[in-house]
C-alpha cells in the first residue's frame, strides 16, 4: 500500500451540463487512479442556492433574488501538480460550466493505493 499526495477537486453543476464538464476535464487529464482511468464521482441531484449580485451575469435567476436549482456534485482527484490543477480548472471546468462563477473546491489530501 502507498499513500499518494493528491488534489481533490469538487464542483457543482446542473445535471444538463454534467457530461460536458466531465468531458472537458477528461480532455485535460485521463484522471487515472491505479490501473483505472476516467475515474469521476458524481452524486444524485441536490439543491444549489444563491442570490446574484449587481455585478454578476446570472445564467439562472435574477439579480437580488434567491434562486434554487437542481445541481450535481462532481468530484475527482489528480496528482498534486499545480500546473495540471490550473489547466483542469481554467480549461476543463470553466469553459464547460454554465455559471458565471462556478464553485470549484480544491483540497490537498492523501489517497491510499493498493497497487501502483
PDB file of N, CA and C in Angstrom:
ATOM      1  N   UNK A   1       0.838  -1.179   0.000  1.00  0.00           N
ATOM      2  CA  UNK A   1       0.000   0.000   0.000  1.00  0.00           C
ATOM      3  C   UNK A   1       0.883   1.242   0.000  1.00  0.00           C
ATOM      4  N   UNK A   2       0.463   2.236  -0.793  1.00  0.00           N
ATOM      5  CA  UNK A   2       1.166   3.516  -0.852  1.00  0.00           C
ATOM      6  C   UNK A   2       0.181   4.644  -0.580  1.00  0.00           C
ATOM      7  N   UNK A   3       0.669   5.729   0.004  1.00  0.00           N
ATOM      8  CA  UNK A   3      -0.129   6.943   0.157  1.00  0.00           C
ATOM      9  C   UNK A   3       0.395   7.964  -0.839  1.00  0.00           C
ATOM     10  N   UNK A   4      -0.491   8.438  -1.704  1.00  0.00           N
ATOM     11  CA  UNK A   4      -0.113   9.377  -2.765  1.00  0.00           C
ATOM     12  C   UNK A   4      -0.671  10.768  -2.450  1.00  0.00           C
ATOM     13  N   UNK A   5       0.158  11.825  -2.542  1.00  0.00           N
ATOM     14  CA  UNK A   5      -0.357  13.183  -2.374  1.00  0.00           C
ATOM     15  C   UNK A   5      -1.171  13.589  -3.607  1.00  0.00           C
ATOM     16  N   UNK A   6      -2.380  14.070  -3.365  1.00  0.00           N
ATOM     17  CA  UNK A   6      -3.279  14.425  -4.477  1.00  0.00           C
ATOM     18  C   UNK A   6      -3.998  15.743  -4.183  1.00  0.00           C
ATOM     19  N   UNK A   7      -4.588  16.308  -5.247  1.00  0.00           N
ATOM     20  CA  UNK A   7      -5.586  17.363  -5.109  1.00  0.00           C
ATOM     21  C   UNK A   7      -6.938  16.688  -5.305  1.00  0.00           C
ATOM     22  N   UNK A   8      -7.887  16.960  -4.404  1.00  0.00           N
ATOM     23  CA  UNK A   8      -9.267  16.527  -4.570  1.00  0.00           C
ATOM     24  C   UNK A   8     -10.030  17.740  -5.063  1.00  0.00           C
ATOM     25  N   UNK A   9     -10.699  17.610  -6.195  1.00  0.00           N
ATOM     26  CA  UNK A   9     -11.399  18.730  -6.821  1.00  0.00           C
ATOM     27  C   UNK A   9     -12.890  18.423  -6.816  1.00  0.00           C
ATOM     28  N   UNK A  10     -13.680  19.402  -6.342  1.00  0.00           N
ATOM     29  CA  UNK A  10     -15.131  19.283  -6.315  1.00  0.00           C
ATOM     30  C   UNK A  10     -15.737  20.484  -7.012  1.00  0.00           C
ATOM     31  N   UNK A  11     -16.793  20.234  -7.757  1.00  0.00           N
ATOM     32  CA  UNK A  11     -17.578  21.317  -8.329  1.00  0.00           C
ATOM     33  C   UNK A  11     -19.029  20.888  -8.338  1.00  0.00           C
ATOM     34  N   UNK A  12     -19.912  21.832  -8.517  1.00  0.00           N
ATOM     35  CA  UNK A  12     -21.344  21.580  -8.523  1.00  0.00           C
ATOM     36  C   UNK A  12     -21.895  22.113  -9.842  1.00  0.00           C
ATOM     37  N   UNK A  13     -22.711  21.305 -10.508  1.00  0.00           N
ATOM     38  CA  UNK A  13     -23.172  21.686 -11.841  1.00  0.00           C
ATOM     39  C   UNK A  13     -24.605  21.192 -12.045  1.00  0.00           C
ATOM     40  N   UNK A  14     -25.372  21.931 -12.830  1.00  0.00           N
ATOM     41  CA  UNK A  14     -26.722  21.470 -13.147  1.00  0.00           C
ATOM     42  C   UNK A  14     -26.624  20.195 -13.988  1.00  0.00           C
ATOM     43  N   UNK A  15     -27.566  19.259 -13.818  1.00  0.00           N
ATOM     44  CA  UNK A  15     -27.466  17.961 -14.495  1.00  0.00           C
ATOM     45  C   UNK A  15     -27.275  18.042 -16.010  1.00  0.00           C
ATOM     46  N   UNK A  16     -27.857  19.038 -16.658  1.00  0.00           N
ATOM     47  CA  UNK A  16     -27.736  19.154 -18.117  1.00  0.00           C
ATOM     48  C   UNK A  16     -26.296  19.382 -18.569  1.00  0.00           C
ATOM     49  N   UNK A  17     -25.437  19.883 -17.678  1.00  0.00           N
ATOM     50  CA  UNK A  17     -24.043  20.168 -18.030  1.00  0.00           C
ATOM     51  C   UNK A  17     -23.056  19.165 -17.431  1.00  0.00           C
ATOM     52  N   UNK A  18     -23.558  18.159 -16.740  1.00  0.00           N
ATOM     53  CA  UNK A  18     -22.691  17.190 -16.080  1.00  0.00           C
ATOM     54  C   UNK A  18     -21.705  16.550 -17.046  1.00  0.00           C
ATOM     55  N   UNK A  19     -22.183  15.973 -18.119  1.00  0.00           N
ATOM     56  CA  UNK A  19     -21.296  15.277 -19.065  1.00  0.00           C
ATOM     57  C   UNK A  19     -20.357  16.244 -19.768  1.00  0.00           C
ATOM     58  N   UNK A  20     -20.816  17.450 -20.036  1.00  0.00           N
ATOM     59  CA  UNK A  20     -19.959  18.443 -20.692  1.00  0.00           C
ATOM     60  C   UNK A  20     -18.777  18.812 -19.790  1.00  0.00           C
ATOM     61  N   UNK A  21     -19.038  19.006 -18.496  1.00  0.00           N
ATOM     62  CA  UNK A  21     -17.961  19.336 -17.560  1.00  0.00           C
ATOM     63  C   UNK A  21     -17.006  18.151 -17.431  1.00  0.00           C
ATOM     64  N   UNK A  22     -17.544  16.947 -17.277  1.00  0.00           N
ATOM     65  CA  UNK A  22     -16.688  15.765 -17.159  1.00  0.00           C
ATOM     66  C   UNK A  22     -15.828  15.605 -18.409  1.00  0.00           C
ATOM     67  N   UNK A  23     -16.401  15.732 -19.592  1.00  0.00           N
ATOM     68  CA  UNK A  23     -15.624  15.595 -20.826  1.00  0.00           C
ATOM     69  C   UNK A  23     -14.564  16.679 -20.944  1.00  0.00           C
ATOM     70  N   UNK A  24     -14.891  17.906 -20.516  1.00  0.00           N
ATOM     71  CA  UNK A  24     -13.905  18.988 -20.529  1.00  0.00           C
ATOM     72  C   UNK A  24     -12.713  18.664 -19.648  1.00  0.00           C
ATOM     73  N   UNK A  25     -12.974  18.096 -18.474  1.00  0.00           N
ATOM     74  CA  UNK A  25     -11.890  17.703 -17.571  1.00  0.00           C
ATOM     75  C   UNK A  25     -11.079  16.572 -18.189  1.00  0.00           C
ATOM     76  N   UNK A  26     -11.751  15.576 -18.762  1.00  0.00           N
ATOM     77  CA  UNK A  26     -11.052  14.427 -19.347  1.00  0.00           C
ATOM     78  C   UNK A  26     -10.212  14.823 -20.562  1.00  0.00           C
ATOM     79  N   UNK A  27     -10.538  15.914 -21.208  1.00  0.00           N
ATOM     80  CA  UNK A  27      -9.692  16.408 -22.301  1.00  0.00           C
ATOM     81  C   UNK A  27      -8.369  16.972 -21.763  1.00  0.00           C
ATOM     82  N   UNK A  28      -8.346  17.343 -20.485  1.00  0.00           N
ATOM     83  CA  UNK A  28      -7.145  17.891 -19.864  1.00  0.00           C
ATOM     84  C   UNK A  28      -6.306  16.808 -19.189  1.00  0.00           C
ATOM     85  N   UNK A  29      -6.969  15.716 -18.721  1.00  0.00           N
ATOM     86  CA  UNK A  29      -6.270  14.658 -17.991  1.00  0.00           C
ATOM     87  C   UNK A  29      -7.107  13.388 -18.023  1.00  0.00           C
ATOM     88  N   UNK A  30      -6.456  12.225 -18.002  1.00  0.00           N
ATOM     89  CA  UNK A  30      -7.158  10.938 -18.023  1.00  0.00           C
ATOM     90  C   UNK A  30      -7.763  10.551 -16.676  1.00  0.00           C
ATOM     91  N   UNK A  31      -7.463  11.298 -15.632  1.00  0.00           N
ATOM     92  CA  UNK A  31      -7.947  11.011 -14.281  1.00  0.00           C
ATOM     93  C   UNK A  31      -7.707   9.558 -13.903  1.00  0.00           C
ATOM     94  N   UNK A  32      -6.440   9.203 -13.892  1.00  0.00           N
ATOM     95  CA  UNK A  32      -6.051   7.827 -13.561  1.00  0.00           C
ATOM     96  C   UNK A  32      -6.048   7.616 -12.053  1.00  0.00           C
ATOM     97  N   UNK A  33      -6.479   6.438 -11.651  1.00  0.00           N
ATOM     98  CA  UNK A  33      -6.459   6.006 -10.261  1.00  0.00           C
ATOM     99  C   UNK A  33      -6.008   4.556 -10.275  1.00  0.00           C
ATOM    100  N   UNK A  34      -4.753   4.343  -9.935  1.00  0.00           N
ATOM    101  CA  UNK A  34      -4.214   2.986 -10.016  1.00  0.00           C
ATOM    102  C   UNK A  34      -4.248   2.488 -11.456  1.00  0.00           C
ATOM    103  N   UNK A  35      -4.891   1.354 -11.677  1.00  0.00           N
ATOM    104  CA  UNK A  35      -4.988   0.748 -13.006  1.00  0.00           C
ATOM    105  C   UNK A  35      -6.256   1.182 -13.758  1.00  0.00           C
ATOM    106  N   UNK A  36      -6.912   2.244 -13.315  1.00  0.00           N
ATOM    107  CA  UNK A  36      -8.159   2.709 -13.923  1.00  0.00           C
ATOM    108  C   UNK A  36      -7.989   4.140 -14.410  1.00  0.00           C
ATOM    109  N   UNK A  37      -8.761   4.521 -15.409  1.00  0.00           N
ATOM    110  CA  UNK A  37      -8.740   5.907 -15.868  1.00  0.00           C
ATOM    111  C   UNK A  37     -10.169   6.410 -15.990  1.00  0.00           C
ATOM    112  N   UNK A  38     -10.305   7.722 -16.168  1.00  0.00           N
ATOM    113  CA  UNK A  38     -11.614   8.388 -16.239  1.00  0.00           C
ATOM    114  C   UNK A  38     -12.405   8.189 -14.950  1.00  0.00           C
ATOM    115  N   UNK A  39     -11.720   8.236 -13.806  1.00  0.00           N
ATOM    116  CA  UNK A  39     -12.340   7.997 -12.512  1.00  0.00           C
ATOM    117  C   UNK A  39     -12.932   9.311 -11.985  1.00  0.00           C
ATOM    118  N   UNK A  40     -14.260   9.375 -11.977  1.00  0.00           N
ATOM    119  CA  UNK A  40     -15.003  10.560 -11.540  1.00  0.00           C
ATOM    120  C   UNK A  40     -16.179  10.093 -10.694  1.00  0.00           C
ATOM    121  N   UNK A  41     -16.477  10.842  -9.649  1.00  0.00           N
ATOM    122  CA  UNK A  41     -17.633  10.549  -8.807  1.00  0.00           C
ATOM    123  C   UNK A  41     -18.626  11.681  -8.977  1.00  0.00           C
ATOM    124  N   UNK A  42     -19.913  11.353  -9.067  1.00  0.00           N
ATOM    125  CA  UNK A  42     -20.936  12.395  -9.010  1.00  0.00           C
ATOM    126  C   UNK A  42     -22.128  11.885  -8.237  1.00  0.00           C
ATOM    127  N   UNK A  43     -22.821  12.813  -7.599  1.00  0.00           N
ATOM    128  CA  UNK A  43     -23.905  12.493  -6.690  1.00  0.00           C
ATOM    129  C   UNK A  43     -25.246  12.464  -7.414  1.00  0.00           C
ATOM    130  N   UNK A  44     -26.255  12.099  -6.637  1.00  0.00           N
ATOM    131  CA  UNK A  44     -27.628  12.291  -7.093  1.00  0.00           C
ATOM    132  C   UNK A  44     -27.930  13.778  -7.031  1.00  0.00           C
ATOM    133  N   UNK A  45     -29.064  14.156  -7.561  1.00  0.00           N
ATOM    134  CA  UNK A  45     -29.442  15.564  -7.568  1.00  0.00           C
ATOM    135  C   UNK A  45     -29.524  16.135  -6.155  1.00  0.00           C
ATOM    136  N   UNK A  46     -29.047  17.368  -6.020  1.00  0.00           N
ATOM    137  CA  UNK A  46     -29.155  18.142  -4.796  1.00  0.00           C
ATOM    138  C   UNK A  46     -29.701  19.506  -5.161  1.00  0.00           C
ATOM    139  N   UNK A  47     -29.652  20.439  -4.240  1.00  0.00           N
ATOM    140  CA  UNK A  47     -30.153  21.790  -4.497  1.00  0.00           C
ATOM    141  C   UNK A  47     -29.046  22.792  -4.223  1.00  0.00           C
ATOM    142  N   UNK A  48     -28.831  23.683  -5.167  1.00  0.00           N
ATOM    143  CA  UNK A  48     -27.861  24.768  -5.039  1.00  0.00           C
ATOM    144  C   UNK A  48     -28.655  26.055  -4.887  1.00  0.00           C
ATOM    145  N   UNK A  49     -28.254  26.911  -3.953  1.00  0.00           N
ATOM    146  CA  UNK A  49     -28.960  28.169  -3.708  1.00  0.00           C
ATOM    147  C   UNK A  49     -27.995  29.331  -3.793  1.00  0.00           C
ATOM    148  N   UNK A  50     -28.450  30.451  -4.366  1.00  0.00           N
ATOM    149  CA  UNK A  50     -27.613  31.645  -4.477  1.00  0.00           C
ATOM    150  C   UNK A  50     -28.478  32.862  -4.748  1.00  0.00           C
ATOM    151  N   UNK A  51     -27.887  34.035  -4.520  1.00  0.00           N
ATOM    152  CA  UNK A  51     -28.514  35.317  -4.841  1.00  0.00           C
ATOM    153  C   UNK A  51     -27.542  36.065  -5.738  1.00  0.00           C
ATOM    154  N   UNK A  52     -27.851  36.268  -7.015  1.00  0.00           N
ATOM    155  CA  UNK A  52     -26.950  37.020  -7.895  1.00  0.00           C
ATOM    156  C   UNK A  52     -26.807  38.476  -7.429  1.00  0.00           C
ATOM    157  N   UNK A  53     -25.553  38.967  -7.397  1.00  0.00           N
ATOM    158  CA  UNK A  53     -25.303  40.353  -7.005  1.00  0.00           C
ATOM    159  C   UNK A  53     -25.421  41.270  -8.222  1.00  0.00           C
ATOM    160  N   UNK A  54     -25.299  42.545  -7.975  1.00  0.00           N
ATOM    161  CA  UNK A  54     -25.418  43.548  -9.044  1.00  0.00           C
ATOM    162  C   UNK A  54     -24.359  43.376 -10.129  1.00  0.00           C
ATOM    163  N   UNK A  55     -23.193  42.834  -9.775  1.00  0.00           N
ATOM    164  CA  UNK A  55     -22.109  42.689 -10.745  1.00  0.00           C
ATOM    165  C   UNK A  55     -22.063  41.318 -11.410  1.00  0.00           C
ATOM    166  N   UNK A  56     -23.001  40.448 -11.054  1.00  0.00           N
ATOM    167  CA  UNK A  56     -22.988  39.099 -11.632  1.00  0.00           C
ATOM    168  C   UNK A  56     -23.668  39.080 -13.001  1.00  0.00           C
ATOM    169  N   UNK A  57     -23.422  37.997 -13.712  1.00  0.00           N
ATOM    170  CA  UNK A  57     -24.080  37.755 -15.001  1.00  0.00           C
ATOM    171  C   UNK A  57     -24.753  36.385 -14.873  1.00  0.00           C
ATOM    172  N   UNK A  58     -25.916  36.336 -14.209  1.00  0.00           N
ATOM    173  CA  UNK A  58     -26.519  35.037 -13.902  1.00  0.00           C
ATOM    174  C   UNK A  58     -27.082  34.310 -15.123  1.00  0.00           C
ATOM    175  N   UNK A  59     -26.787  33.013 -15.175  1.00  0.00           N
ATOM    176  CA  UNK A  59     -27.385  32.148 -16.190  1.00  0.00           C
ATOM    177  C   UNK A  59     -28.794  31.782 -15.757  1.00  0.00           C
ATOM    178  N   UNK A  60     -28.987  31.639 -14.463  1.00  0.00           N
ATOM    179  CA  UNK A  60     -30.284  31.331 -13.851  1.00  0.00           C
ATOM    180  C   UNK A  60     -30.584  32.415 -12.832  1.00  0.00           C
ATOM    181  N   UNK A  61     -31.847  32.701 -12.618  1.00  0.00           N
ATOM    182  CA  UNK A  61     -32.258  33.620 -11.573  1.00  0.00           C
ATOM    183  C   UNK A  61     -32.117  35.079 -11.961  1.00  0.00           C
ATOM    184  N   UNK A  62     -32.516  35.932 -11.030  1.00  0.00           N
ATOM    185  CA  UNK A  62     -32.494  37.377 -11.235  1.00  0.00           C
ATOM    186  C   UNK A  62     -31.661  38.042 -10.150  1.00  0.00           C
ATOM    187  N   UNK A  63     -31.025  39.143 -10.488  1.00  0.00           N
ATOM    188  CA  UNK A  63     -30.192  39.884  -9.554  1.00  0.00           C
ATOM    189  C   UNK A  63     -31.009  40.250  -8.320  1.00  0.00           C
ATOM    190  N   UNK A  64     -30.442  39.960  -7.148  1.00  0.00           N
ATOM    191  CA  UNK A  64     -31.078  40.306  -5.886  1.00  0.00           C
ATOM    192  C   UNK A  64     -32.119  39.323  -5.390  1.00  0.00           C
ATOM    193  N   UNK A  65     -32.416  38.274  -6.155  1.00  0.00           N
ATOM    194  CA  UNK A  65     -33.431  37.304  -5.751  1.00  0.00           C
ATOM    195  C   UNK A  65     -32.807  35.943  -5.474  1.00  0.00           C
ATOM    196  N   UNK A  66     -33.288  35.288  -4.419  1.00  0.00           N
ATOM    197  CA  UNK A  66     -32.824  33.943  -4.105  1.00  0.00           C
ATOM    198  C   UNK A  66     -33.247  32.980  -5.205  1.00  0.00           C
ATOM    199  N   UNK A  67     -32.292  32.195  -5.665  1.00  0.00           N
ATOM    200  CA  UNK A  67     -32.546  31.211  -6.722  1.00  0.00           C
ATOM    201  C   UNK A  67     -32.132  29.846  -6.206  1.00  0.00           C
ATOM    202  N   UNK A  68     -32.945  28.848  -6.481  1.00  0.00           N
ATOM    203  CA  UNK A  68     -32.623  27.469  -6.131  1.00  0.00           C
ATOM    204  C   UNK A  68     -32.723  26.634  -7.399  1.00  0.00           C
ATOM    205  N   UNK A  69     -31.667  25.854  -7.669  1.00  0.00           N
ATOM    206  CA  UNK A  69     -31.640  24.996  -8.848  1.00  0.00           C
ATOM    207  C   UNK A  69     -31.133  23.608  -8.456  1.00  0.00           C
ATOM    208  N   UNK A  70     -31.539  22.625  -9.213  1.00  0.00           N
ATOM    209  CA  UNK A  70     -31.028  21.275  -9.028  1.00  0.00           C
ATOM    210  C   UNK A  70     -29.592  21.238  -9.509  1.00  0.00           C
ATOM    211  N   UNK A  71     -28.707  20.631  -8.717  1.00  0.00           N
ATOM    212  CA  UNK A  71     -27.317  20.505  -9.132  1.00  0.00           C
ATOM    213  C   UNK A  71     -26.769  19.150  -8.688  1.00  0.00           C
ATOM    214  N   UNK A  72     -25.631  18.793  -9.279  1.00  0.00           N
ATOM    215  CA  UNK A  72     -24.948  17.537  -9.008  1.00  0.00           C
ATOM    216  C   UNK A  72     -23.540  17.867  -8.547  1.00  0.00           C
ATOM    217  N   UNK A  73     -23.061  17.162  -7.547  1.00  0.00           N
ATOM    218  CA  UNK A  73     -21.680  17.330  -7.077  1.00  0.00           C
ATOM    219  C   UNK A  73     -20.788  16.401  -7.891  1.00  0.00           C
ATOM    220  N   UNK A  74     -19.724  16.961  -8.473  1.00  0.00           N
ATOM    221  CA  UNK A  74     -18.751  16.206  -9.261  1.00  0.00           C
ATOM    222  C   UNK A  74     -17.433  16.248  -8.501  1.00  0.00           C
ATOM    223  N   UNK A  75     -16.773  15.103  -8.391  1.00  0.00           N
ATOM    224  CA  UNK A  75     -15.549  15.040  -7.596  1.00  0.00           C
ATOM    225  C   UNK A  75     -14.562  14.080  -8.254  1.00  0.00           C
ATOM    226  N   UNK A  76     -13.287  14.461  -8.217  1.00  0.00           N
ATOM    227  CA  UNK A  76     -12.231  13.615  -8.769  1.00  0.00           C
ATOM    228  C   UNK A  76     -10.909  14.020  -8.155  1.00  0.00           C
ATOM    229  N   UNK A  77      -9.876  13.224  -8.389  1.00  0.00           N
ATOM    230  CA  UNK A  77      -8.560  13.546  -7.861  1.00  0.00           C
ATOM    231  C   UNK A  77      -7.516  13.516  -8.965  1.00  0.00           C
ATOM    232  N   UNK A  78      -6.445  14.274  -8.731  1.00  0.00           N
ATOM    233  CA  UNK A  78      -5.301  14.323  -9.643  1.00  0.00           C
ATOM    234  C   UNK A  78      -4.032  14.337  -8.807  1.00  0.00           C
ATOM    235  N   UNK A  79      -2.888  14.004  -9.396  1.00  0.00           N
ATOM    236  CA  UNK A  79      -1.630  14.139  -8.657  1.00  0.00           C
ATOM    237  C   UNK A  79      -1.448  15.595  -8.213  1.00  0.00           C
ATOM    238  N   UNK A  80      -0.725  15.815  -7.144  1.00  0.00           N
ATOM    239  CA  UNK A  80      -0.531  17.166  -6.631  1.00  0.00           C
ATOM    240  C   UNK A  80       0.453  17.919  -7.520  1.00  0.00           C
ATOM    241  N   UNK A  81      -0.076  18.451  -8.611  1.00  0.00           N
ATOM    242  CA  UNK A  81       0.680  19.179  -9.631  1.00  0.00           C
ATOM    243  C   UNK A  81      -0.101  20.456  -9.920  1.00  0.00           C
ATOM    244  N   UNK A  82       0.407  21.613  -9.455  1.00  0.00           N
ATOM    245  CA  UNK A  82      -0.350  22.858  -9.566  1.00  0.00           C
ATOM    246  C   UNK A  82      -0.609  23.274 -11.011  1.00  0.00           C
ATOM    247  N   UNK A  83       0.333  23.025 -11.899  1.00  0.00           N
ATOM    248  CA  UNK A  83       0.127  23.371 -13.308  1.00  0.00           C
ATOM    249  C   UNK A  83      -1.043  22.566 -13.880  1.00  0.00           C
ATOM    250  N   UNK A  84      -1.091  21.275 -13.591  1.00  0.00           N
ATOM    251  CA  UNK A  84      -2.206  20.431 -14.039  1.00  0.00           C
ATOM    252  C   UNK A  84      -3.512  20.900 -13.412  1.00  0.00           C
ATOM    253  N   UNK A  85      -3.485  21.219 -12.133  1.00  0.00           N
ATOM    254  CA  UNK A  85      -4.673  21.706 -11.433  1.00  0.00           C
ATOM    255  C   UNK A  85      -5.240  22.950 -12.109  1.00  0.00           C
ATOM    256  N   UNK A  86      -4.388  23.924 -12.363  1.00  0.00           N
ATOM    257  CA  UNK A  86      -4.838  25.168 -13.008  1.00  0.00           C
ATOM    258  C   UNK A  86      -5.388  24.895 -14.416  1.00  0.00           C
ATOM    259  N   UNK A  87      -4.738  24.013 -15.155  1.00  0.00           N
ATOM    260  CA  UNK A  87      -5.188  23.675 -16.506  1.00  0.00           C
ATOM    261  C   UNK A  87      -6.581  23.039 -16.473  1.00  0.00           C
ATOM    262  N   UNK A  88      -6.801  22.125 -15.542  1.00  0.00           N
ATOM    263  CA  UNK A  88      -8.104  21.464 -15.436  1.00  0.00           C
ATOM    264  C   UNK A  88      -9.196  22.472 -15.087  1.00  0.00           C
ATOM    265  N   UNK A  89      -8.920  23.358 -14.125  1.00  0.00           N
ATOM    266  CA  UNK A  89      -9.934  24.341 -13.728  1.00  0.00           C
ATOM    267  C   UNK A  89     -10.177  25.352 -14.841  1.00  0.00           C
ATOM    268  N   UNK A  90      -9.100  25.958 -15.363  1.00  0.00           N
ATOM    269  CA  UNK A  90      -9.244  27.038 -16.341  1.00  0.00           C
ATOM    270  C   UNK A  90      -9.694  26.570 -17.718  1.00  0.00           C
ATOM    271  N   UNK A  91      -9.289  25.351 -18.131  1.00  0.00           N
ATOM    272  CA  UNK A  91      -9.588  24.895 -19.491  1.00  0.00           C
ATOM    273  C   UNK A  91     -10.543  23.709 -19.553  1.00  0.00           C
ATOM    274  N   UNK A  92     -10.719  23.013 -18.427  1.00  0.00           N
ATOM    275  CA  UNK A  92     -11.618  21.860 -18.414  1.00  0.00           C
ATOM    276  C   UNK A  92     -12.965  22.168 -17.790  1.00  0.00           C
ATOM    277  N   UNK A  93     -12.945  22.882 -16.647  1.00  0.00           N
ATOM    278  CA  UNK A  93     -14.203  23.173 -15.939  1.00  0.00           C
ATOM    279  C   UNK A  93     -14.829  24.486 -16.404  1.00  0.00           C
ATOM    280  N   UNK A  94     -14.102  25.600 -16.271  1.00  0.00           N
ATOM    281  CA  UNK A  94     -14.694  26.915 -16.549  1.00  0.00           C
ATOM    282  C   UNK A  94     -15.379  27.029 -17.916  1.00  0.00           C
ATOM    283  N   UNK A  95     -14.752  26.641 -19.024  1.00  0.00           N
ATOM    284  CA  UNK A  95     -15.426  26.843 -20.309  1.00  0.00           C
ATOM    285  C   UNK A  95     -16.612  25.901 -20.543  1.00  0.00           C
ATOM    286  N   UNK A  96     -16.746  24.858 -19.731  1.00  0.00           N
ATOM    287  CA  UNK A  96     -17.820  23.882 -19.917  1.00  0.00           C
ATOM    288  C   UNK A  96     -18.914  23.987 -18.871  1.00  0.00           C
ATOM    289  N   UNK A  97     -18.758  24.911 -17.955  1.00  0.00           N
ATOM    290  CA  UNK A  97     -19.707  25.107 -16.855  1.00  0.00           C
ATOM    291  C   UNK A  97     -20.604  26.292 -17.186  1.00  0.00           C
ATOM    292  N   UNK A  98     -21.907  26.196 -16.928  1.00  0.00           N
ATOM    293  CA  UNK A  98     -22.802  27.295 -17.322  1.00  0.00           C
ATOM    294  C   UNK A  98     -22.751  28.522 -16.418  1.00  0.00           C
ATOM    295  N   UNK A  99     -22.228  28.410 -15.199  1.00  0.00           N
ATOM    296  CA  UNK A  99     -22.279  29.523 -14.266  1.00  0.00           C
ATOM    297  C   UNK A  99     -21.198  30.562 -14.525  1.00  0.00           C
ATOM    298  N   UNK A 100     -21.535  31.790 -14.218  1.00  0.00           N
ATOM    299  CA  UNK A 100     -20.620  32.930 -14.282  1.00  0.00           C
ATOM    300  C   UNK A 100     -19.435  32.709 -13.335  1.00  0.00           C
ATOM    301  N   UNK A 101     -19.694  32.183 -12.144  1.00  0.00           N
ATOM    302  CA  UNK A 101     -18.655  31.932 -11.138  1.00  0.00           C
ATOM    303  C   UNK A 101     -18.917  30.556 -10.511  1.00  0.00           C
ATOM    304  N   UNK A 102     -18.479  29.479 -11.185  1.00  0.00           N
ATOM    305  CA  UNK A 102     -18.743  28.150 -10.636  1.00  0.00           C
ATOM    306  C   UNK A 102     -17.986  27.906  -9.332  1.00  0.00           C
ATOM    307  N   UNK A 103     -18.615  27.166  -8.429  1.00  0.00           N
ATOM    308  CA  UNK A 103     -17.954  26.748  -7.204  1.00  0.00           C
ATOM    309  C   UNK A 103     -16.995  25.620  -7.568  1.00  0.00           C
ATOM    310  N   UNK A 104     -15.708  25.843  -7.334  1.00  0.00           N
ATOM    311  CA  UNK A 104     -14.689  24.811  -7.529  1.00  0.00           C
ATOM    312  C   UNK A 104     -13.873  24.775  -6.243  1.00  0.00           C
ATOM    313  N   UNK A 105     -13.890  23.637  -5.561  1.00  0.00           N
ATOM    314  CA  UNK A 105     -13.175  23.493  -4.297  1.00  0.00           C
ATOM    315  C   UNK A 105     -12.017  22.532  -4.494  1.00  0.00           C
ATOM    316  N   UNK A 106     -10.870  22.884  -3.924  1.00  0.00           N
ATOM    317  CA  UNK A 106      -9.670  22.066  -4.043  1.00  0.00           C
ATOM    318  C   UNK A 106      -9.104  21.835  -2.642  1.00  0.00           C
ATOM    319  N   UNK A 107      -8.841  20.584  -2.320  1.00  0.00           N
ATOM    320  CA  UNK A 107      -8.181  20.256  -1.064  1.00  0.00           C
ATOM    321  C   UNK A 107      -6.968  19.390  -1.346  1.00  0.00           C
ATOM    322  N   UNK A 108      -5.983  19.486  -0.472  1.00  0.00           N
ATOM    323  CA  UNK A 108      -4.805  18.618  -0.557  1.00  0.00           C
ATOM    324  C   UNK A 108      -5.068  17.427   0.356  1.00  0.00           C
ATOM    325  N   UNK A 109      -4.949  16.225  -0.198  1.00  0.00           N
ATOM    326  CA  UNK A 109      -5.237  15.014   0.558  1.00  0.00           C
ATOM    327  C   UNK A 109      -4.233  13.931   0.204  1.00  0.00           C
ATOM    328  N   UNK A 110      -4.355  12.804   0.887  1.00  0.00           N
ATOM    329  CA  UNK A 110      -3.601  11.604   0.555  1.00  0.00           C
ATOM    330  C   UNK A 110      -4.605  10.535   0.144  1.00  0.00           C
ATOM    331  N   UNK A 111      -4.258   9.769  -0.900  1.00  0.00           N
ATOM    332  CA  UNK A 111      -5.083   8.643  -1.311  1.00  0.00           C
ATOM    333  C   UNK A 111      -4.278   7.366  -1.121  1.00  0.00           C
ATOM    334  N   UNK A 112      -4.942   6.354  -0.608  1.00  0.00           N
ATOM    335  CA  UNK A 112      -4.309   5.055  -0.451  1.00  0.00           C
ATOM    336  C   UNK A 112      -4.433   4.293  -1.767  1.00  0.00           C
ATOM    337  N   UNK A 113      -3.338   3.736  -2.216  1.00  0.00           N
ATOM    338  CA  UNK A 113      -3.324   2.925  -3.436  1.00  0.00           C
ATOM    339  C   UNK A 113      -2.850   1.520  -3.098  1.00  0.00           C
ATOM    340  N   UNK A 114      -3.688   0.553  -3.363  1.00  0.00           N
ATOM    341  CA  UNK A 114      -3.334  -0.837  -3.111  1.00  0.00           C
ATOM    342  C   UNK A 114      -2.254  -1.304  -4.077  1.00  0.00           C
ATOM    343  N   UNK A 115      -2.403  -0.900  -5.357  1.00  0.00           N
ATOM    344  CA  UNK A 115      -1.440  -1.261  -6.402  1.00  0.00           C
ATOM    345  C   UNK A 115      -0.869   0.021  -7.000  1.00  0.00           C
ATOM    346  N   UNK A 116       0.356  -0.007  -7.380  1.00  0.00           N
ATOM    347  CA  UNK A 116       0.914   1.110  -8.143  1.00  0.00           C
ATOM    348  C   UNK A 116       2.350   0.927  -8.450  1.00  0.00           C
TER     349      UNK A 116
END
